[in-house]
Amino acid sequence: QVQLVESGGGLVQAGGSLRLSCAASGSIFSIDAMGWYRQAPGKQRELVAGITSGGSTNYADSVKGRFTISRDNAKNTVYLQMNSLKPEDTAVYYCNAQGVFTTAHTSMGFMTILPPLDYWGQGTQVTVSS
């Protein structure tokens, strides 16, 4: 079983900064992509930023130039540095891991790699006051 634990959310004034972290734990062999989504009240969940294991990144147009996503593959951790925050950034931010390969032992005692799955964190609230 894989768990994603997020931290770093909170209340900040417009123009301020926050840094979100998300650590994946479990019998993880590798993770293809990690990223952040957000959902504001009454709105659909939307992609904020994503990063592959090779370091390729993708950002929503609304956060380009203000947010930076990074990743520590050795720690299975993804970060989101959020600068110049605006009230419209207020939302619950969810960590997402896609293509998570985990290991298990067969009945013969050999290690095997299981098919990939996707996982979500529990969400962390980010509130930006005007």
N, C-alpha and C. Protein backbone atom coordinates (compact mmCIF):
# COMPACT_ATOMS: atom_id res chain seq x y z
N GLN A 1 0.85 -1.19 0.00
CA GLN A 1 0.00 0.00 0.00
C GLN A 1 0.89 1.24 0.00
N VAL A 2 0.51 2.22 -0.78
CA VAL A 2 1.28 3.45 -0.89
C VAL A 2 0.48 4.58 -0.26
N GLN A 3 1.15 5.41 0.49
CA GLN A 3 0.52 6.58 1.09
C GLN A 3 1.23 7.84 0.63
N LEU A 4 0.46 8.88 0.36
CA LEU A 4 0.99 10.19 0.04
C LEU A 4 0.63 11.13 1.18
N VAL A 5 1.64 11.72 1.78
CA VAL A 5 1.42 12.63 2.91
C VAL A 5 1.86 14.02 2.51
N GLU A 6 0.91 14.96 2.54
CA GLU A 6 1.16 16.33 2.15
C GLU A 6 1.40 17.21 3.37
N SER A 7 2.14 18.27 3.17
CA SER A 7 2.35 19.25 4.23
C SER A 7 2.66 20.60 3.60
N GLY A 8 2.51 21.65 4.40
CA GLY A 8 2.93 22.97 3.95
C GLY A 8 1.81 23.94 3.63
N GLY A 9 0.58 23.49 3.67
CA GLY A 9 -0.52 24.41 3.39
C GLY A 9 -0.71 25.39 4.53
N GLY A 10 -1.59 26.36 4.32
CA GLY A 10 -1.86 27.33 5.37
C GLY A 10 -2.49 28.59 4.84
N LEU A 11 -2.46 29.62 5.67
CA LEU A 11 -3.04 30.92 5.34
C LEU A 11 -1.91 31.91 5.07
N VAL A 12 -2.02 32.64 3.96
CA VAL A 12 -0.99 33.60 3.59
C VAL A 12 -1.66 34.79 2.93
N GLN A 13 -1.05 35.94 3.05
CA GLN A 13 -1.57 37.14 2.40
C GLN A 13 -1.21 37.13 0.91
N ALA A 14 -2.00 37.83 0.14
CA ALA A 14 -1.71 37.96 -1.28
C ALA A 14 -0.30 38.51 -1.47
N GLY A 15 0.41 37.90 -2.43
CA GLY A 15 1.79 38.28 -2.68
C GLY A 15 2.79 37.43 -1.92
N GLY A 16 2.30 36.65 -0.98
CA GLY A 16 3.18 35.82 -0.18
C GLY A 16 3.53 34.51 -0.85
N SER A 17 4.23 33.66 -0.10
CA SER A 17 4.71 32.39 -0.63
C SER A 17 4.40 31.24 0.32
N LEU A 18 4.25 30.08 -0.25
CA LEU A 18 4.12 28.83 0.50
C LEU A 18 4.85 27.74 -0.26
N ARG A 19 5.28 26.73 0.47
CA ARG A 19 5.91 25.56 -0.15
C ARG A 19 5.20 24.30 0.31
N LEU A 20 4.65 23.59 -0.64
CA LEU A 20 3.99 22.33 -0.34
C LEU A 20 4.96 21.17 -0.57
N SER A 21 4.81 20.15 0.26
CA SER A 21 5.60 18.93 0.12
C SER A 21 4.67 17.73 0.11
N CYS A 22 5.07 16.70 -0.61
CA CYS A 22 4.29 15.46 -0.64
C CYS A 22 5.27 14.30 -0.69
N ALA A 23 5.23 13.47 0.33
CA ALA A 23 6.12 12.32 0.41
C ALA A 23 5.32 11.04 0.22
N ALA A 24 5.79 10.22 -0.69
CA ALA A 24 5.16 8.92 -0.93
C ALA A 24 5.93 7.84 -0.17
N SER A 25 5.17 6.97 0.49
CA SER A 25 5.81 5.90 1.25
C SER A 25 5.14 4.57 0.94
N GLY A 26 5.90 3.50 1.17
CA GLY A 26 5.41 2.16 0.87
C GLY A 26 6.51 1.39 0.14
N SER A 27 6.15 0.25 -0.39
CA SER A 27 7.12 -0.59 -1.12
C SER A 27 7.24 -0.10 -2.56
N ILE A 28 7.78 1.08 -2.70
CA ILE A 28 7.83 1.76 -3.99
C ILE A 28 9.10 1.40 -4.74
N PHE A 29 8.92 1.00 -6.00
CA PHE A 29 10.06 0.74 -6.86
C PHE A 29 10.39 2.00 -7.67
N SER A 30 9.36 2.60 -8.24
CA SER A 30 9.55 3.84 -8.99
C SER A 30 8.20 4.53 -9.18
N ILE A 31 8.26 5.81 -9.49
CA ILE A 31 7.05 6.59 -9.76
C ILE A 31 7.26 7.36 -11.05
N ASP A 32 6.37 7.17 -12.01
CA ASP A 32 6.53 7.84 -13.30
C ASP A 32 6.39 9.34 -13.18
N ALA A 33 5.29 9.80 -12.62
CA ALA A 33 5.03 11.24 -12.55
C ALA A 33 4.39 11.58 -11.21
N MET A 34 4.71 12.76 -10.73
CA MET A 34 4.09 13.28 -9.51
C MET A 34 3.64 14.70 -9.79
N GLY A 35 2.60 15.10 -9.10
CA GLY A 35 2.12 16.44 -9.37
C GLY A 35 1.11 16.92 -8.36
N TRP A 36 0.57 18.09 -8.64
CA TRP A 36 -0.39 18.74 -7.76
C TRP A 36 -1.62 19.14 -8.54
N TYR A 37 -2.76 18.87 -7.96
CA TYR A 37 -4.03 19.35 -8.45
C TYR A 37 -4.64 20.23 -7.36
N ARG A 38 -5.62 21.03 -7.73
CA ARG A 38 -6.31 21.81 -6.73
C ARG A 38 -7.80 21.88 -7.05
N GLN A 39 -8.57 22.07 -5.98
CA GLN A 39 -10.02 22.18 -6.14
C GLN A 39 -10.53 23.28 -5.24
N ALA A 40 -11.09 24.30 -5.86
CA ALA A 40 -11.71 25.40 -5.12
C ALA A 40 -13.19 25.08 -4.90
N PRO A 41 -13.81 25.68 -3.91
CA PRO A 41 -15.23 25.41 -3.66
C PRO A 41 -16.10 25.67 -4.89
N GLY A 42 -16.91 24.71 -5.23
CA GLY A 42 -17.81 24.86 -6.37
C GLY A 42 -17.16 24.68 -7.72
N LYS A 43 -15.89 24.32 -7.74
CA LYS A 43 -15.18 24.16 -9.01
C LYS A 43 -14.65 22.74 -9.15
N GLN A 44 -14.31 22.38 -10.39
CA GLN A 44 -13.74 21.07 -10.63
C GLN A 44 -12.26 21.04 -10.24
N ARG A 45 -11.79 19.85 -9.94
CA ARG A 45 -10.37 19.70 -9.66
C ARG A 45 -9.59 19.97 -10.93
N GLU A 46 -8.48 20.71 -10.81
CA GLU A 46 -7.67 21.07 -11.96
C GLU A 46 -6.20 20.81 -11.70
N LEU A 47 -5.48 20.52 -12.77
CA LEU A 47 -4.05 20.32 -12.66
C LEU A 47 -3.36 21.65 -12.38
N VAL A 48 -2.44 21.63 -11.44
CA VAL A 48 -1.60 22.79 -11.16
C VAL A 48 -0.24 22.62 -11.83
N ALA A 49 0.41 21.50 -11.53
CA ALA A 49 1.73 21.23 -12.10
C ALA A 49 2.06 19.76 -11.95
N GLY A 50 2.87 19.26 -12.89
CA GLY A 50 3.31 17.89 -12.83
C GLY A 50 4.77 17.79 -13.22
N ILE A 51 5.41 16.70 -12.77
CA ILE A 51 6.82 16.49 -13.09
C ILE A 51 7.07 15.00 -13.24
N THR A 52 7.84 14.64 -14.27
CA THR A 52 8.17 13.24 -14.49
C THR A 52 9.42 12.86 -13.72
N SER A 53 9.72 11.58 -13.71
CA SER A 53 10.93 11.12 -13.02
C SER A 53 12.18 11.67 -13.70
N GLY A 54 12.06 12.01 -14.98
CA GLY A 54 13.19 12.57 -15.70
C GLY A 54 13.31 14.08 -15.58
N GLY A 55 12.35 14.70 -14.92
CA GLY A 55 12.42 16.13 -14.67
C GLY A 55 11.62 17.00 -15.62
N SER A 56 10.89 16.41 -16.55
CA SER A 56 10.02 17.22 -17.41
C SER A 56 8.87 17.76 -16.59
N THR A 57 8.51 19.01 -16.86
CA THR A 57 7.46 19.66 -16.07
C THR A 57 6.34 20.19 -16.96
N ASN A 58 5.20 20.37 -16.35
CA ASN A 58 4.04 20.94 -17.02
C ASN A 58 3.29 21.78 -16.01
N TYR A 59 2.84 22.96 -16.41
CA TYR A 59 2.15 23.87 -15.50
C TYR A 59 0.84 24.35 -16.10
N ALA A 60 -0.10 24.61 -15.24
CA ALA A 60 -1.30 25.31 -15.68
C ALA A 60 -0.91 26.73 -16.05
N ASP A 61 -1.58 27.29 -17.07
CA ASP A 61 -1.25 28.64 -17.50
C ASP A 61 -1.39 29.65 -16.37
N SER A 62 -2.32 29.41 -15.48
CA SER A 62 -2.60 30.37 -14.41
C SER A 62 -1.49 30.46 -13.37
N VAL A 63 -0.58 29.49 -13.35
CA VAL A 63 0.48 29.49 -12.33
C VAL A 63 1.88 29.63 -12.93
N LYS A 64 1.96 29.62 -14.26
CA LYS A 64 3.28 29.74 -14.90
C LYS A 64 3.97 31.03 -14.47
N GLY A 65 5.25 30.90 -14.14
CA GLY A 65 6.03 32.05 -13.71
C GLY A 65 5.92 32.35 -12.22
N ARG A 66 4.95 31.71 -11.56
CA ARG A 66 4.78 31.94 -10.11
C ARG A 66 5.05 30.69 -9.29
N PHE A 67 4.70 29.54 -9.82
CA PHE A 67 4.88 28.28 -9.10
C PHE A 67 6.01 27.48 -9.75
N THR A 68 6.73 26.74 -8.90
CA THR A 68 7.78 25.86 -9.39
C THR A 68 7.63 24.49 -8.75
N ILE A 69 7.59 23.47 -9.58
CA ILE A 69 7.51 22.10 -9.08
C ILE A 69 8.89 21.46 -9.16
N SER A 70 9.22 20.67 -8.14
CA SER A 70 10.48 19.95 -8.14
C SER A 70 10.27 18.61 -7.46
N ARG A 71 11.29 17.78 -7.58
CA ARG A 71 11.10 16.40 -7.12
C ARG A 71 12.43 15.82 -6.67
N ASP A 72 12.37 15.02 -5.62
CA ASP A 72 13.52 14.26 -5.14
C ASP A 72 13.17 12.79 -5.34
N ASN A 73 13.69 12.20 -6.40
CA ASN A 73 13.34 10.82 -6.72
C ASN A 73 13.79 9.84 -5.62
N ALA A 74 14.92 10.11 -5.03
CA ALA A 74 15.44 9.21 -4.00
C ALA A 74 14.53 9.17 -2.78
N LYS A 75 13.84 10.29 -2.53
CA LYS A 75 12.94 10.38 -1.37
C LYS A 75 11.48 10.22 -1.77
N ASN A 76 11.23 10.01 -3.05
CA ASN A 76 9.84 9.91 -3.54
C ASN A 76 9.00 11.08 -3.06
N THR A 77 9.58 12.25 -3.16
CA THR A 77 8.94 13.46 -2.66
C THR A 77 8.85 14.51 -3.76
N VAL A 78 7.71 15.19 -3.80
CA VAL A 78 7.51 16.27 -4.75
C VAL A 78 7.21 17.54 -3.97
N TYR A 79 7.68 18.66 -4.51
CA TYR A 79 7.51 19.96 -3.86
C TYR A 79 6.82 20.92 -4.82
N LEU A 80 6.11 21.86 -4.24
CA LEU A 80 5.52 22.93 -5.04
C LEU A 80 5.81 24.25 -4.34
N GLN A 81 6.71 25.03 -4.93
CA GLN A 81 7.01 26.35 -4.40
C GLN A 81 6.04 27.33 -5.05
N MET A 82 5.26 28.01 -4.23
CA MET A 82 4.23 28.91 -4.72
C MET A 82 4.59 30.33 -4.30
N ASN A 83 4.87 31.18 -5.26
CA ASN A 83 5.21 32.58 -5.01
C ASN A 83 4.14 33.49 -5.60
N SER A 84 4.15 34.72 -5.17
CA SER A 84 3.20 35.73 -5.68
C SER A 84 1.77 35.20 -5.64
N LEU A 85 1.41 34.64 -4.53
CA LEU A 85 0.10 34.01 -4.41
C LEU A 85 -1.02 35.03 -4.53
N LYS A 86 -2.12 34.58 -5.13
CA LYS A 86 -3.29 35.42 -5.35
C LYS A 86 -4.50 34.79 -4.65
N PRO A 87 -5.49 35.58 -4.32
CA PRO A 87 -6.70 35.01 -3.69
C PRO A 87 -7.31 33.88 -4.52
N GLU A 88 -7.20 33.96 -5.83
CA GLU A 88 -7.77 32.91 -6.68
C GLU A 88 -6.97 31.60 -6.62
N ASP A 89 -5.85 31.59 -5.94
CA ASP A 89 -5.11 30.35 -5.71
C ASP A 89 -5.67 29.57 -4.53
N THR A 90 -6.61 30.17 -3.82
CA THR A 90 -7.21 29.50 -2.67
C THR A 90 -7.93 28.23 -3.10
N ALA A 91 -7.56 27.13 -2.48
CA ALA A 91 -8.14 25.82 -2.84
C ALA A 91 -7.56 24.75 -1.93
N VAL A 92 -8.11 23.56 -2.04
CA VAL A 92 -7.47 22.39 -1.44
C VAL A 92 -6.53 21.82 -2.50
N TYR A 93 -5.29 21.64 -2.13
CA TYR A 93 -4.27 21.15 -3.05
C TYR A 93 -4.04 19.66 -2.77
N TYR A 94 -4.12 18.87 -3.83
CA TYR A 94 -3.98 17.43 -3.72
C TYR A 94 -2.72 16.97 -4.45
N CYS A 95 -1.97 16.13 -3.79
CA CYS A 95 -0.82 15.49 -4.40
C CYS A 95 -1.30 14.25 -5.17
N ASN A 96 -0.69 14.03 -6.32
CA ASN A 96 -1.04 12.87 -7.15
C ASN A 96 0.23 12.19 -7.63
N ALA A 97 0.25 10.89 -7.54
CA ALA A 97 1.36 10.09 -8.06
C ALA A 97 0.80 9.14 -9.11
N GLN A 98 1.35 9.20 -10.31
CA GLN A 98 0.87 8.37 -11.41
C GLN A 98 1.94 7.39 -11.85
N GLY A 99 1.52 6.19 -12.17
CA GLY A 99 2.49 5.17 -12.58
C GLY A 99 3.40 4.76 -11.44
N VAL A 100 2.78 4.39 -10.32
CA VAL A 100 3.55 3.97 -9.16
C VAL A 100 3.75 2.45 -9.22
N PHE A 101 5.01 2.07 -9.36
CA PHE A 101 5.36 0.64 -9.38
C PHE A 101 5.80 0.25 -7.97
N THR A 102 5.20 -0.80 -7.44
CA THR A 102 5.56 -1.29 -6.12
C THR A 102 6.08 -2.72 -6.23
N THR A 103 6.76 -3.14 -5.17
CA THR A 103 7.34 -4.48 -5.14
C THR A 103 6.58 -5.39 -4.19
N ALA A 104 6.66 -6.65 -4.46
CA ALA A 104 6.06 -7.67 -3.59
C ALA A 104 6.88 -8.93 -3.72
N HIS A 105 6.66 -9.86 -2.83
CA HIS A 105 7.37 -11.13 -2.89
C HIS A 105 6.41 -12.21 -3.34
N THR A 106 6.88 -13.06 -4.25
CA THR A 106 6.05 -14.15 -4.72
C THR A 106 6.04 -15.26 -3.68
N SER A 107 5.22 -16.26 -3.92
CA SER A 107 5.13 -17.40 -2.99
C SER A 107 6.44 -18.17 -2.94
N MET A 108 7.29 -17.98 -3.97
CA MET A 108 8.58 -18.65 -3.99
C MET A 108 9.66 -17.78 -3.34
N GLY A 109 9.26 -16.60 -2.88
CA GLY A 109 10.21 -15.75 -2.17
C GLY A 109 11.00 -14.80 -3.05
N PHE A 110 10.62 -14.69 -4.33
CA PHE A 110 11.31 -13.77 -5.22
C PHE A 110 10.59 -12.44 -5.25
N MET A 111 11.34 -11.37 -5.44
CA MET A 111 10.74 -10.06 -5.54
C MET A 111 10.19 -9.86 -6.94
N THR A 112 9.00 -9.32 -7.01
CA THR A 112 8.40 -9.01 -8.29
C THR A 112 7.89 -7.58 -8.27
N ILE A 113 7.72 -6.99 -9.43
CA ILE A 113 7.21 -5.63 -9.54
C ILE A 113 5.77 -5.70 -10.01
N LEU A 114 4.90 -5.05 -9.28
CA LEU A 114 3.47 -5.11 -9.57
C LEU A 114 3.09 -4.07 -10.61
N PRO A 115 1.96 -4.27 -11.30
CA PRO A 115 1.51 -3.28 -12.28
C PRO A 115 1.31 -1.93 -11.64
N PRO A 116 1.52 -0.84 -12.38
CA PRO A 116 1.46 0.50 -11.80
C PRO A 116 0.04 0.92 -11.44
N LEU A 117 -0.05 1.73 -10.40
CA LEU A 117 -1.32 2.31 -9.97
C LEU A 117 -1.13 3.81 -9.73
N ASP A 118 -2.22 4.51 -9.60
CA ASP A 118 -2.19 5.94 -9.28
C ASP A 118 -2.70 6.15 -7.85
N TYR A 119 -2.17 7.17 -7.19
CA TYR A 119 -2.55 7.44 -5.81
C TYR A 119 -2.76 8.94 -5.61
N TRP A 120 -3.61 9.24 -4.61
CA TRP A 120 -3.90 10.62 -4.23
C TRP A 120 -3.59 10.85 -2.76
N GLY A 121 -3.16 12.07 -2.45
CA GLY A 121 -3.02 12.47 -1.07
C GLY A 121 -4.36 12.93 -0.51
N GLN A 122 -4.36 13.27 0.77
CA GLN A 122 -5.61 13.63 1.44
C GLN A 122 -5.99 15.10 1.20
N GLY A 123 -5.07 15.88 0.70
CA GLY A 123 -5.33 17.29 0.42
C GLY A 123 -4.85 18.19 1.54
N THR A 124 -4.40 19.38 1.17
CA THR A 124 -3.98 20.38 2.13
C THR A 124 -4.56 21.73 1.70
N GLN A 125 -5.10 22.45 2.67
CA GLN A 125 -5.78 23.71 2.36
C GLN A 125 -4.77 24.84 2.19
N VAL A 126 -4.93 25.59 1.12
CA VAL A 126 -4.17 26.82 0.91
C VAL A 126 -5.18 27.96 0.80
N THR A 127 -5.03 28.94 1.66
CA THR A 127 -5.93 30.09 1.67
C THR A 127 -5.11 31.36 1.52
N VAL A 128 -5.45 32.16 0.51
CA VAL A 128 -4.75 33.40 0.24
C VAL A 128 -5.72 34.55 0.48
N SER A 129 -5.38 35.38 1.44
CA SER A 129 -6.26 36.50 1.78
C SER A 129 -5.86 37.75 0.99
N SER A 130 -6.84 38.57 0.69
CA SER A 130 -6.57 39.78 -0.11
C SER A 130 -6.26 40.97 0.78
